[in-house]
Amino acid sequence: MSLSTHVLDAARGRPAAGMPVRLERRDGDAWRGVAEARTDEDGRVRDLPPPEKGTYRLVFDTSGHSDFYPEVAVAFAVTDPGEHYHVPLLLSPYAYSTYRGS
């Protein structure tokens, strides 16, 4: 049905605005690019293409927010394309976490 993400810079306590994000889909042993976007002023990407059943990953260019992690890739499985998938990223200079949001 839909796919979105939200990036929060936990060290600054603010959304990570302007961060490049790439959506990829697993195709055999390779990843195929599906879409590219940048987070808005609220740190969100709301308009990613609706996913089909399969394995995807969001690749975040975190180089402007972390000297240690220049990139974060979060892989996830879409099992029911009729559901909403929200994949947030909480980022700090030396740690990150993610979860399935609502």
PDB file of N, CA and C in Angstrom:
ATOM      1  N   MET A   1       0.819  -1.186   0.000  1.00  0.00           N
ATOM      2  CA  MET A   1       0.000   0.000   0.000  1.00  0.00           C
ATOM      3  C   MET A   1       0.864   1.250   0.000  1.00  0.00           C
ATOM      4  N   SER A   2       1.809   1.345   0.981  1.00  0.00           N
ATOM      5  CA  SER A   2       2.676   2.518   0.983  1.00  0.00           C
ATOM      6  C   SER A   2       3.936   2.242   1.793  1.00  0.00           C
ATOM      7  N   LEU A   3       4.934   3.093   1.546  1.00  0.00           N
ATOM      8  CA  LEU A   3       6.226   2.985   2.200  1.00  0.00           C
ATOM      9  C   LEU A   3       6.717   4.385   2.520  1.00  0.00           C
ATOM     10  N   SER A   4       7.188   4.568   3.757  1.00  0.00           N
ATOM     11  CA  SER A   4       7.729   5.870   4.153  1.00  0.00           C
ATOM     12  C   SER A   4       8.884   5.649   5.116  1.00  0.00           C
ATOM     13  N   THR A   5       9.654   6.723   5.341  1.00  0.00           N
ATOM     14  CA  THR A   5      10.744   6.682   6.307  1.00  0.00           C
ATOM     15  C   THR A   5      10.840   8.031   6.995  1.00  0.00           C
ATOM     16  N   HIS A   6      11.548   8.040   8.108  1.00  0.00           N
ATOM     17  CA  HIS A   6      11.721   9.245   8.908  1.00  0.00           C
ATOM     18  C   HIS A   6      13.096   9.138   9.558  1.00  0.00           C
ATOM     19  N   VAL A   7      13.923  10.155   9.432  1.00  0.00           N
ATOM     20  CA  VAL A   7      15.264  10.121  10.005  1.00  0.00           C
ATOM     21  C   VAL A   7      15.372  11.211  11.063  1.00  0.00           C
ATOM     22  N   LEU A   8      15.754  10.788  12.269  1.00  0.00           N
ATOM     23  CA  LEU A   8      15.948  11.724  13.369  1.00  0.00           C
ATOM     24  C   LEU A   8      17.412  11.729  13.770  1.00  0.00           C
ATOM     25  N   ASP A   9      17.981  12.902  13.876  1.00  0.00           N
ATOM     26  CA  ASP A   9      19.344  13.066  14.362  1.00  0.00           C
ATOM     27  C   ASP A   9      19.255  13.134  15.882  1.00  0.00           C
ATOM     28  N   ALA A  10      19.491  12.012  16.546  1.00  0.00           N
ATOM     29  CA  ALA A  10      19.320  11.920  17.995  1.00  0.00           C
ATOM     30  C   ALA A  10      20.320  12.779  18.752  1.00  0.00           C
ATOM     31  N   ALA A  11      21.494  13.020  18.203  1.00  0.00           N
ATOM     32  CA  ALA A  11      22.499  13.851  18.875  1.00  0.00           C
ATOM     33  C   ALA A  11      22.072  15.314  18.922  1.00  0.00           C
ATOM     34  N   ARG A  12      21.406  15.761  17.881  1.00  0.00           N
ATOM     35  CA  ARG A  12      20.967  17.163  17.814  1.00  0.00           C
ATOM     36  C   ARG A  12      19.527  17.335  18.283  1.00  0.00           C
ATOM     37  N   GLY A  13      18.809  16.215  18.390  1.00  0.00           N
ATOM     38  CA  GLY A  13      17.407  16.298  18.787  1.00  0.00           C
ATOM     39  C   GLY A  13      16.529  16.938  17.731  1.00  0.00           C
ATOM     40  N   ARG A  14      16.891  16.697  16.461  1.00  0.00           N
ATOM     41  CA  ARG A  14      16.169  17.324  15.342  1.00  0.00           C
ATOM     42  C   ARG A  14      16.007  16.327  14.187  1.00  0.00           C
ATOM     43  N   PRO A  15      15.054  16.601  13.307  1.00  0.00           N
ATOM     44  CA  PRO A  15      14.953  15.793  12.091  1.00  0.00           C
ATOM     45  C   PRO A  15      16.200  15.971  11.227  1.00  0.00           C
ATOM     46  N   ALA A  16      16.559  14.948  10.498  1.00  0.00           N
ATOM     47  CA  ALA A  16      17.705  15.005   9.584  1.00  0.00           C
ATOM     48  C   ALA A  16      17.192  15.433   8.205  1.00  0.00           C
ATOM     49  N   ALA A  17      17.109  16.722   7.994  1.00  0.00           N
ATOM     50  CA  ALA A  17      16.579  17.278   6.746  1.00  0.00           C
ATOM     51  C   ALA A  17      17.620  17.205   5.633  1.00  0.00           C
ATOM     52  N   GLY A  18      17.155  16.951   4.419  1.00  0.00           N
ATOM     53  CA  GLY A  18      18.009  16.976   3.241  1.00  0.00           C
ATOM     54  C   GLY A  18      18.879  15.748   3.052  1.00  0.00           C
ATOM     55  N   MET A  19      18.642  14.682   3.787  1.00  0.00           N
ATOM     56  CA  MET A  19      19.466  13.475   3.672  1.00  0.00           C
ATOM     57  C   MET A  19      19.062  12.660   2.445  1.00  0.00           C
ATOM     58  N   PRO A  20      20.019  12.304   1.590  1.00  0.00           N
ATOM     59  CA  PRO A  20      19.712  11.438   0.452  1.00  0.00           C
ATOM     60  C   PRO A  20      19.347  10.024   0.923  1.00  0.00           C
ATOM     61  N   VAL A  21      18.301   9.477   0.316  1.00  0.00           N
ATOM     62  CA  VAL A  21      17.823   8.130   0.633  1.00  0.00           C
ATOM     63  C   VAL A  21      17.564   7.398  -0.675  1.00  0.00           C
ATOM     64  N   ARG A  22      18.009   6.166  -0.741  1.00  0.00           N
ATOM     65  CA  ARG A  22      17.811   5.341  -1.943  1.00  0.00           C
ATOM     66  C   ARG A  22      17.036   4.088  -1.545  1.00  0.00           C
ATOM     67  N   LEU A  23      16.008   3.757  -2.312  1.00  0.00           N
ATOM     68  CA  LEU A  23      15.254   2.521  -2.124  1.00  0.00           C
ATOM     69  C   LEU A  23      15.718   1.519  -3.165  1.00  0.00           C
ATOM     70  N   GLU A  24      16.066   0.309  -2.699  1.00  0.00           N
ATOM     71  CA  GLU A  24      16.521  -0.751  -3.596  1.00  0.00           C
ATOM     72  C   GLU A  24      15.710  -2.013  -3.325  1.00  0.00           C
ATOM     73  N   ARG A  25      15.582  -2.853  -4.349  1.00  0.00           N
ATOM     74  CA  ARG A  25      14.886  -4.130  -4.219  1.00  0.00           C
ATOM     75  C   ARG A  25      15.861  -5.247  -4.561  1.00  0.00           C
ATOM     76  N   ARG A  26      15.814  -6.307  -3.780  1.00  0.00           N
ATOM     77  CA  ARG A  26      16.680  -7.459  -4.029  1.00  0.00           C
ATOM     78  C   ARG A  26      16.171  -8.201  -5.259  1.00  0.00           C
ATOM     79  N   ASP A  27      17.100  -8.443  -6.194  1.00  0.00           N
ATOM     80  CA  ASP A  27      16.800  -9.143  -7.441  1.00  0.00           C
ATOM     81  C   ASP A  27      17.854 -10.238  -7.580  1.00  0.00           C
ATOM     82  N   GLY A  28      17.551 -11.445  -7.078  1.00  0.00           N
ATOM     83  CA  GLY A  28      18.546 -12.512  -7.065  1.00  0.00           C
ATOM     84  C   GLY A  28      19.639 -12.180  -6.074  1.00  0.00           C
ATOM     85  N   ASP A  29      20.877 -12.106  -6.543  1.00  0.00           N
ATOM     86  CA  ASP A  29      22.012 -11.775  -5.675  1.00  0.00           C
ATOM     87  C   ASP A  29      22.370 -10.292  -5.710  1.00  0.00           C
ATOM     88  N   ALA A  30      21.618  -9.508  -6.425  1.00  0.00           N
ATOM     89  CA  ALA A  30      21.948  -8.088  -6.585  1.00  0.00           C
ATOM     90  C   ALA A  30      20.817  -7.208  -6.059  1.00  0.00           C
ATOM     91  N   TRP A  31      21.147  -5.939  -5.849  1.00  0.00           N
ATOM     92  CA  TRP A  31      20.159  -4.936  -5.457  1.00  0.00           C
ATOM     93  C   TRP A  31      19.899  -4.036  -6.654  1.00  0.00           C
ATOM     94  N   ARG A  32      18.640  -3.787  -6.939  1.00  0.00           N
ATOM     95  CA  ARG A  32      18.223  -2.945  -8.066  1.00  0.00           C
ATOM     96  C   ARG A  32      17.607  -1.664  -7.524  1.00  0.00           C
ATOM     97  N   GLY A  33      18.068  -0.530  -8.026  1.00  0.00           N
ATOM     98  CA  GLY A  33      17.527   0.756  -7.602  1.00  0.00           C
ATOM     99  C   GLY A  33      16.073   0.912  -7.994  1.00  0.00           C
ATOM    100  N   VAL A  34      15.264   1.397  -7.064  1.00  0.00           N
ATOM    101  CA  VAL A  34      13.835   1.611  -7.310  1.00  0.00           C
ATOM    102  C   VAL A  34      13.510   3.101  -7.304  1.00  0.00           C
ATOM    103  N   ALA A  35      14.066   3.833  -6.324  1.00  0.00           N
ATOM    104  CA  ALA A  35      13.760   5.267  -6.206  1.00  0.00           C
ATOM    105  C   ALA A  35      14.851   5.967  -5.405  1.00  0.00           C
ATOM    106  N   GLU A  36      14.960   7.270  -5.606  1.00  0.00           N
ATOM    107  CA  GLU A  36      15.865   8.117  -4.825  1.00  0.00           C
ATOM    108  C   GLU A  36      15.090   9.334  -4.361  1.00  0.00           C
ATOM    109  N   ALA A  37      15.416   9.802  -3.157  1.00  0.00           N
ATOM    110  CA  ALA A  37      14.716  10.968  -2.599  1.00  0.00           C
ATOM    111  C   ALA A  37      15.628  11.634  -1.577  1.00  0.00           C
ATOM    112  N   ARG A  38      15.164  12.755  -1.041  1.00  0.00           N
ATOM    113  CA  ARG A  38      15.825  13.438   0.076  1.00  0.00           C
ATOM    114  C   ARG A  38      14.776  13.660   1.153  1.00  0.00           C
ATOM    115  N   THR A  39      15.214  13.580   2.403  1.00  0.00           N
ATOM    116  CA  THR A  39      14.285  13.842   3.487  1.00  0.00           C
ATOM    117  C   THR A  39      13.861  15.310   3.451  1.00  0.00           C
ATOM    118  N   ASP A  40      12.603  15.550   3.830  1.00  0.00           N
ATOM    119  CA  ASP A  40      12.092  16.916   3.860  1.00  0.00           C
ATOM    120  C   ASP A  40      12.517  17.608   5.164  1.00  0.00           C
ATOM    121  N   GLU A  41      11.993  18.784   5.422  1.00  0.00           N
ATOM    122  CA  GLU A  41      12.379  19.561   6.609  1.00  0.00           C
ATOM    123  C   GLU A  41      12.043  18.838   7.907  1.00  0.00           C
ATOM    124  N   ASP A  42      11.085  17.912   7.845  1.00  0.00           N
ATOM    125  CA  ASP A  42      10.705  17.131   9.021  1.00  0.00           C
ATOM    126  C   ASP A  42      11.467  15.802   9.078  1.00  0.00           C
ATOM    127  N   GLY A  43      12.443  15.616   8.174  1.00  0.00           N
ATOM    128  CA  GLY A  43      13.235  14.391   8.145  1.00  0.00           C
ATOM    129  C   GLY A  43      12.512  13.212   7.527  1.00  0.00           C
ATOM    130  N   ARG A  44      11.451  13.467   6.783  1.00  0.00           N
ATOM    131  CA  ARG A  44      10.615  12.390   6.242  1.00  0.00           C
ATOM    132  C   ARG A  44      10.724  12.270   4.715  1.00  0.00           C
ATOM    133  N   VAL A  45      10.533  11.051   4.256  1.00  0.00           N
ATOM    134  CA  VAL A  45      10.290  10.778   2.839  1.00  0.00           C
ATOM    135  C   VAL A  45       8.947  10.066   2.820  1.00  0.00           C
ATOM    136  N   ARG A  46       7.961  10.725   2.249  1.00  0.00           N
ATOM    137  CA  ARG A  46       6.587  10.211   2.270  1.00  0.00           C
ATOM    138  C   ARG A  46       6.150   9.581   0.951  1.00  0.00           C
ATOM    139  N   ASP A  47       6.875   9.854  -0.119  1.00  0.00           N
ATOM    140  CA  ASP A  47       6.381   9.501  -1.454  1.00  0.00           C
ATOM    141  C   ASP A  47       7.184   8.397  -2.135  1.00  0.00           C
ATOM    142  N   LEU A  48       7.622   7.399  -1.379  1.00  0.00           N
ATOM    143  CA  LEU A  48       8.318   6.266  -1.993  1.00  0.00           C
ATOM    144  C   LEU A  48       7.302   5.394  -2.723  1.00  0.00           C
ATOM    145  N   PRO A  49       7.715   4.709  -3.777  1.00  0.00           N
ATOM    146  CA  PRO A  49       6.773   3.864  -4.517  1.00  0.00           C
ATOM    147  C   PRO A  49       6.207   2.758  -3.631  1.00  0.00           C
ATOM    148  N   PRO A  50       4.943   2.416  -3.817  1.00  0.00           N
ATOM    149  CA  PRO A  50       4.373   1.324  -3.031  1.00  0.00           C
ATOM    150  C   PRO A  50       5.103   0.016  -3.341  1.00  0.00           C
ATOM    151  N   PRO A  51       5.533  -0.702  -2.299  1.00  0.00           N
ATOM    152  CA  PRO A  51       6.301  -1.922  -2.541  1.00  0.00           C
ATOM    153  C   PRO A  51       5.420  -3.115  -2.887  1.00  0.00           C
ATOM    154  N   GLU A  52       5.984  -4.001  -3.668  1.00  0.00           N
ATOM    155  CA  GLU A  52       5.376  -5.304  -3.921  1.00  0.00           C
ATOM    156  C   GLU A  52       5.998  -6.278  -2.928  1.00  0.00           C
ATOM    157  N   LYS A  53       5.506  -7.478  -2.882  1.00  0.00           N
ATOM    158  CA  LYS A  53       6.085  -8.489  -2.007  1.00  0.00           C
ATOM    159  C   LYS A  53       7.543  -8.707  -2.410  1.00  0.00           C
ATOM    160  N   GLY A  54       8.443  -8.762  -1.420  1.00  0.00           N
ATOM    161  CA  GLY A  54       9.857  -8.967  -1.701  1.00  0.00           C
ATOM    162  C   GLY A  54      10.740  -8.383  -0.625  1.00  0.00           C
ATOM    163  N   THR A  55      12.046  -8.367  -0.886  1.00  0.00           N
ATOM    164  CA  THR A  55      13.032  -7.834   0.052  1.00  0.00           C
ATOM    165  C   THR A  55      13.561  -6.515  -0.494  1.00  0.00           C
ATOM    166  N   TYR A  56      13.565  -5.521   0.369  1.00  0.00           N
ATOM    167  CA  TYR A  56      13.985  -4.172   0.010  1.00  0.00           C
ATOM    168  C   TYR A  56      15.044  -3.694   0.992  1.00  0.00           C
ATOM    169  N   ARG A  57      15.679  -2.586   0.630  1.00  0.00           N
ATOM    170  CA  ARG A  57      16.507  -1.887   1.610  1.00  0.00           C
ATOM    171  C   ARG A  57      16.454  -0.396   1.320  1.00  0.00           C
ATOM    172  N   LEU A  58      16.523   0.353   2.389  1.00  0.00           N
ATOM    173  CA  LEU A  58      16.682   1.794   2.321  1.00  0.00           C
ATOM    174  C   LEU A  58      18.135   2.090   2.637  1.00  0.00           C
ATOM    175  N   VAL A  59      18.788   2.845   1.765  1.00  0.00           N
ATOM    176  CA  VAL A  59      20.195   3.200   1.953  1.00  0.00           C
ATOM    177  C   VAL A  59      20.238   4.701   2.217  1.00  0.00           C
ATOM    178  N   PHE A  60      20.679   5.057   3.420  1.00  0.00           N
ATOM    179  CA  PHE A  60      20.724   6.437   3.864  1.00  0.00           C
ATOM    180  C   PHE A  60      22.160   6.955   3.743  1.00  0.00           C
ATOM    181  N   ASP A  61      22.343   8.088   3.070  1.00  0.00           N
ATOM    182  CA  ASP A  61      23.657   8.737   2.985  1.00  0.00           C
ATOM    183  C   ASP A  61      23.804   9.593   4.243  1.00  0.00           C
ATOM    184  N   THR A  62      24.400   9.017   5.265  1.00  0.00           N
ATOM    185  CA  THR A  62      24.501   9.674   6.572  1.00  0.00           C
ATOM    186  C   THR A  62      25.794  10.465   6.745  1.00  0.00           C
ATOM    187  N   SER A  63      26.565  10.619   5.685  1.00  0.00           N
ATOM    188  CA  SER A  63      27.875  11.269   5.788  1.00  0.00           C
ATOM    189  C   SER A  63      27.800  12.689   6.343  1.00  0.00           C
ATOM    190  N   GLY A  64      26.715  13.385   6.165  1.00  0.00           N
ATOM    191  CA  GLY A  64      26.582  14.738   6.703  1.00  0.00           C
ATOM    192  C   GLY A  64      26.167  14.768   8.162  1.00  0.00           C
ATOM    193  N   HIS A  65      25.905  13.592   8.735  1.00  0.00           N
ATOM    194  CA  HIS A  65      25.415  13.531  10.116  1.00  0.00           C
ATOM    195  C   HIS A  65      26.279  12.661  11.024  1.00  0.00           C
ATOM    196  N   SER A  66      27.183  11.884  10.459  1.00  0.00           N
ATOM    197  CA  SER A  66      28.028  11.003  11.254  1.00  0.00           C
ATOM    198  C   SER A  66      29.373  10.844  10.565  1.00  0.00           C
ATOM    199  N   ASP A  67      30.446  11.064  11.309  1.00  0.00           N
ATOM    200  CA  ASP A  67      31.779  10.844  10.756  1.00  0.00           C
ATOM    201  C   ASP A  67      32.132   9.360  10.732  1.00  0.00           C
ATOM    202  N   PHE A  68      31.469   8.572  11.573  1.00  0.00           N
ATOM    203  CA  PHE A  68      31.775   7.152  11.693  1.00  0.00           C
ATOM    204  C   PHE A  68      30.968   6.290  10.728  1.00  0.00           C
ATOM    205  N   TYR A  69      29.691   6.611  10.538  1.00  0.00           N
ATOM    206  CA  TYR A  69      28.810   5.868   9.636  1.00  0.00           C
ATOM    207  C   TYR A  69      28.494   6.731   8.411  1.00  0.00           C
ATOM    208  N   PRO A  70      29.222   6.581   7.316  1.00  0.00           N
ATOM    209  CA  PRO A  70      28.926   7.385   6.134  1.00  0.00           C
ATOM    210  C   PRO A  70      27.656   6.931   5.414  1.00  0.00           C
ATOM    211  N   GLU A  71      27.235   5.680   5.703  1.00  0.00           N
ATOM    212  CA  GLU A  71      26.050   5.131   5.048  1.00  0.00           C
ATOM    213  C   GLU A  71      25.411   4.107   5.979  1.00  0.00           C
ATOM    214  N   VAL A  72      24.087   4.083   5.995  1.00  0.00           N
ATOM    215  CA  VAL A  72      23.346   3.078   6.753  1.00  0.00           C
ATOM    216  C   VAL A  72      22.377   2.417   5.793  1.00  0.00           C
ATOM    217  N   ALA A  73      22.406   1.085   5.731  1.00  0.00           N
ATOM    218  CA  ALA A  73      21.483   0.323   4.892  1.00  0.00           C
ATOM    219  C   ALA A  73      20.586  -0.512   5.797  1.00  0.00           C
ATOM    220  N   VAL A  74      19.284  -0.384   5.608  1.00  0.00           N
ATOM    221  CA  VAL A  74      18.308  -1.116   6.404  1.00  0.00           C
ATOM    222  C   VAL A  74      17.500  -1.993   5.452  1.00  0.00           C
ATOM    223  N   ALA A  75      17.691  -3.303   5.566  1.00  0.00           N
ATOM    224  CA  ALA A  75      16.951  -4.260   4.727  1.00  0.00           C
ATOM    225  C   ALA A  75      15.710  -4.714   5.476  1.00  0.00           C
ATOM    226  N   PHE A  76      14.634  -4.957   4.738  1.00  0.00           N
ATOM    227  CA  PHE A  76      13.372  -5.387   5.340  1.00  0.00           C
ATOM    228  C   PHE A  76      12.568  -6.176   4.317  1.00  0.00           C
ATOM    229  N   ALA A  77      11.671  -7.002   4.815  1.00  0.00           N
ATOM    230  CA  ALA A  77      10.848  -7.851   3.956  1.00  0.00           C
ATOM    231  C   ALA A  77       9.428  -7.316   3.903  1.00  0.00           C
ATOM    232  N   VAL A  78       8.898  -7.193   2.703  1.00  0.00           N
ATOM    233  CA  VAL A  78       7.495  -6.840   2.509  1.00  0.00           C
ATOM    234  C   VAL A  78       6.746  -8.143   2.286  1.00  0.00           C
ATOM    235  N   THR A  79       5.915  -8.502   3.251  1.00  0.00           N
ATOM    236  CA  THR A  79       5.162  -9.752   3.164  1.00  0.00           C
ATOM    237  C   THR A  79       3.715  -9.532   2.740  1.00  0.00           C
ATOM    238  N   ASP A  80       3.198  -8.332   3.002  1.00  0.00           N
ATOM    239  CA  ASP A  80       1.822  -7.998   2.623  1.00  0.00           C
ATOM    240  C   ASP A  80       1.820  -6.612   1.997  1.00  0.00           C
ATOM    241  N   PRO A  81       1.822  -6.530   0.667  1.00  0.00           N
ATOM    242  CA  PRO A  81       1.866  -5.223   0.000  1.00  0.00           C
ATOM    243  C   PRO A  81       0.676  -4.322   0.317  1.00  0.00           C
ATOM    244  N   GLY A  82      -0.375  -4.860   0.910  1.00  0.00           N
ATOM    245  CA  GLY A  82      -1.537  -4.063   1.270  1.00  0.00           C
ATOM    246  C   GLY A  82      -1.347  -3.254   2.547  1.00  0.00           C
ATOM    247  N   GLU A  83      -0.295  -3.548   3.299  1.00  0.00           N
ATOM    248  CA  GLU A  83      -0.028  -2.833   4.539  1.00  0.00           C
ATOM    249  C   GLU A  83       0.835  -1.602   4.294  1.00  0.00           C
ATOM    250  N   HIS A  84       0.863  -0.714   5.300  1.00  0.00           N
ATOM    251  CA  HIS A  84       1.769   0.431   5.271  1.00  0.00           C
ATOM    252  C   HIS A  84       3.080   0.028   5.945  1.00  0.00           C
ATOM    253  N   TYR A  85       4.197   0.334   5.324  1.00  0.00           N
ATOM    254  CA  TYR A  85       5.518   0.059   5.876  1.00  0.00           C
ATOM    255  C   TYR A  85       6.201   1.388   6.157  1.00  0.00           C
ATOM    256  N   HIS A  86       6.534   1.604   7.431  1.00  0.00           N
ATOM    257  CA  HIS A  86       7.242   2.812   7.845  1.00  0.00           C
ATOM    258  C   HIS A  86       8.540   2.365   8.518  1.00  0.00           C
ATOM    259  N   VAL A  87       9.687   2.824   7.999  1.00  0.00           N
ATOM    260  CA  VAL A  87      10.992   2.377   8.473  1.00  0.00           C
ATOM    261  C   VAL A  87      11.779   3.600   8.958  1.00  0.00           C
ATOM    262  N   PRO A  88      11.673   3.949  10.252  1.00  0.00           N
ATOM    263  CA  PRO A  88      12.407   5.084  10.796  1.00  0.00           C
ATOM    264  C   PRO A  88      13.867   4.742  11.077  1.00  0.00           C
ATOM    265  N   LEU A  89      14.700   5.776  11.073  1.00  0.00           N
ATOM    266  CA  LEU A  89      16.110   5.646  11.429  1.00  0.00           C
ATOM    267  C   LEU A  89      16.425   6.703  12.476  1.00  0.00           C
ATOM    268  N   LEU A  90      16.957   6.263  13.619  1.00  0.00           N
ATOM    269  CA  LEU A  90      17.439   7.170  14.661  1.00  0.00           C
ATOM    270  C   LEU A  90      18.957   7.139  14.598  1.00  0.00           C
ATOM    271  N   LEU A  91      19.566   8.294  14.401  1.00  0.00           N
ATOM    272  CA  LEU A  91      20.997   8.360  14.116  1.00  0.00           C
ATOM    273  C   LEU A  91      21.721   9.247  15.120  1.00  0.00           C
ATOM    274  N   SER A  92      22.863   8.779  15.579  1.00  0.00           N
ATOM    275  CA  SER A  92      23.771   9.599  16.389  1.00  0.00           C
ATOM    276  C   SER A  92      25.179   9.353  15.842  1.00  0.00           C
ATOM    277  N   PRO A  93      26.180  10.096  16.293  1.00  0.00           N
ATOM    278  CA  PRO A  93      27.510   9.964  15.690  1.00  0.00           C
ATOM    279  C   PRO A  93      28.099   8.547  15.724  1.00  0.00           C
ATOM    280  N   TYR A  94      27.822   7.778  16.773  1.00  0.00           N
ATOM    281  CA  TYR A  94      28.437   6.459  16.890  1.00  0.00           C
ATOM    282  C   TYR A  94      27.425   5.329  17.096  1.00  0.00           C
ATOM    283  N   ALA A  95      26.170   5.578  16.757  1.00  0.00           N
ATOM    284  CA  ALA A  95      25.144   4.536  16.896  1.00  0.00           C
ATOM    285  C   ALA A  95      23.954   4.891  16.027  1.00  0.00           C
ATOM    286  N   TYR A  96      23.203   3.859  15.665  1.00  0.00           N
ATOM    287  CA  TYR A  96      21.923   4.063  15.001  1.00  0.00           C
ATOM    288  C   TYR A  96      20.989   2.917  15.359  1.00  0.00           C
ATOM    289  N   SER A  97      19.700   3.174  15.230  1.00  0.00           N
ATOM    290  CA  SER A  97      18.714   2.126  15.442  1.00  0.00           C
ATOM    291  C   SER A  97      17.557   2.344  14.497  1.00  0.00           C
ATOM    292  N   THR A  98      16.796   1.286  14.303  1.00  0.00           N
ATOM    293  CA  THR A  98      15.657   1.334  13.420  1.00  0.00           C
ATOM    294  C   THR A  98      14.600   0.384  13.949  1.00  0.00           C
ATOM    295  N   TYR A  99      13.393   0.534  13.464  1.00  0.00           N
ATOM    296  CA  TYR A  99      12.289  -0.325  13.877  1.00  0.00           C
ATOM    297  C   TYR A  99      11.195  -0.212  12.836  1.00  0.00           C
ATOM    298  N   ARG A 100      10.204  -1.087  12.935  1.00  0.00           N
ATOM    299  CA  ARG A 100       9.046  -0.945  12.047  1.00  0.00           C
ATOM    300  C   ARG A 100       8.040  -0.024  12.727  1.00  0.00           C
ATOM    301  N   GLY A 101       7.851   1.116  12.132  1.00  0.00           N
ATOM    302  CA  GLY A 101       6.931   2.104  12.694  1.00  0.00           C
ATOM    303  C   GLY A 101       5.521   1.893  12.178  1.00  0.00           C
ATOM    304  N   SER A 102       4.675   2.838  12.525  1.00  0.00           N
ATOM    305  CA  SER A 102       3.270   2.744  12.096  1.00  0.00           C
ATOM    306  C   SER A 102       2.912   3.877  11.154  1.00  0.00           C
TER     307      SER A 102
END
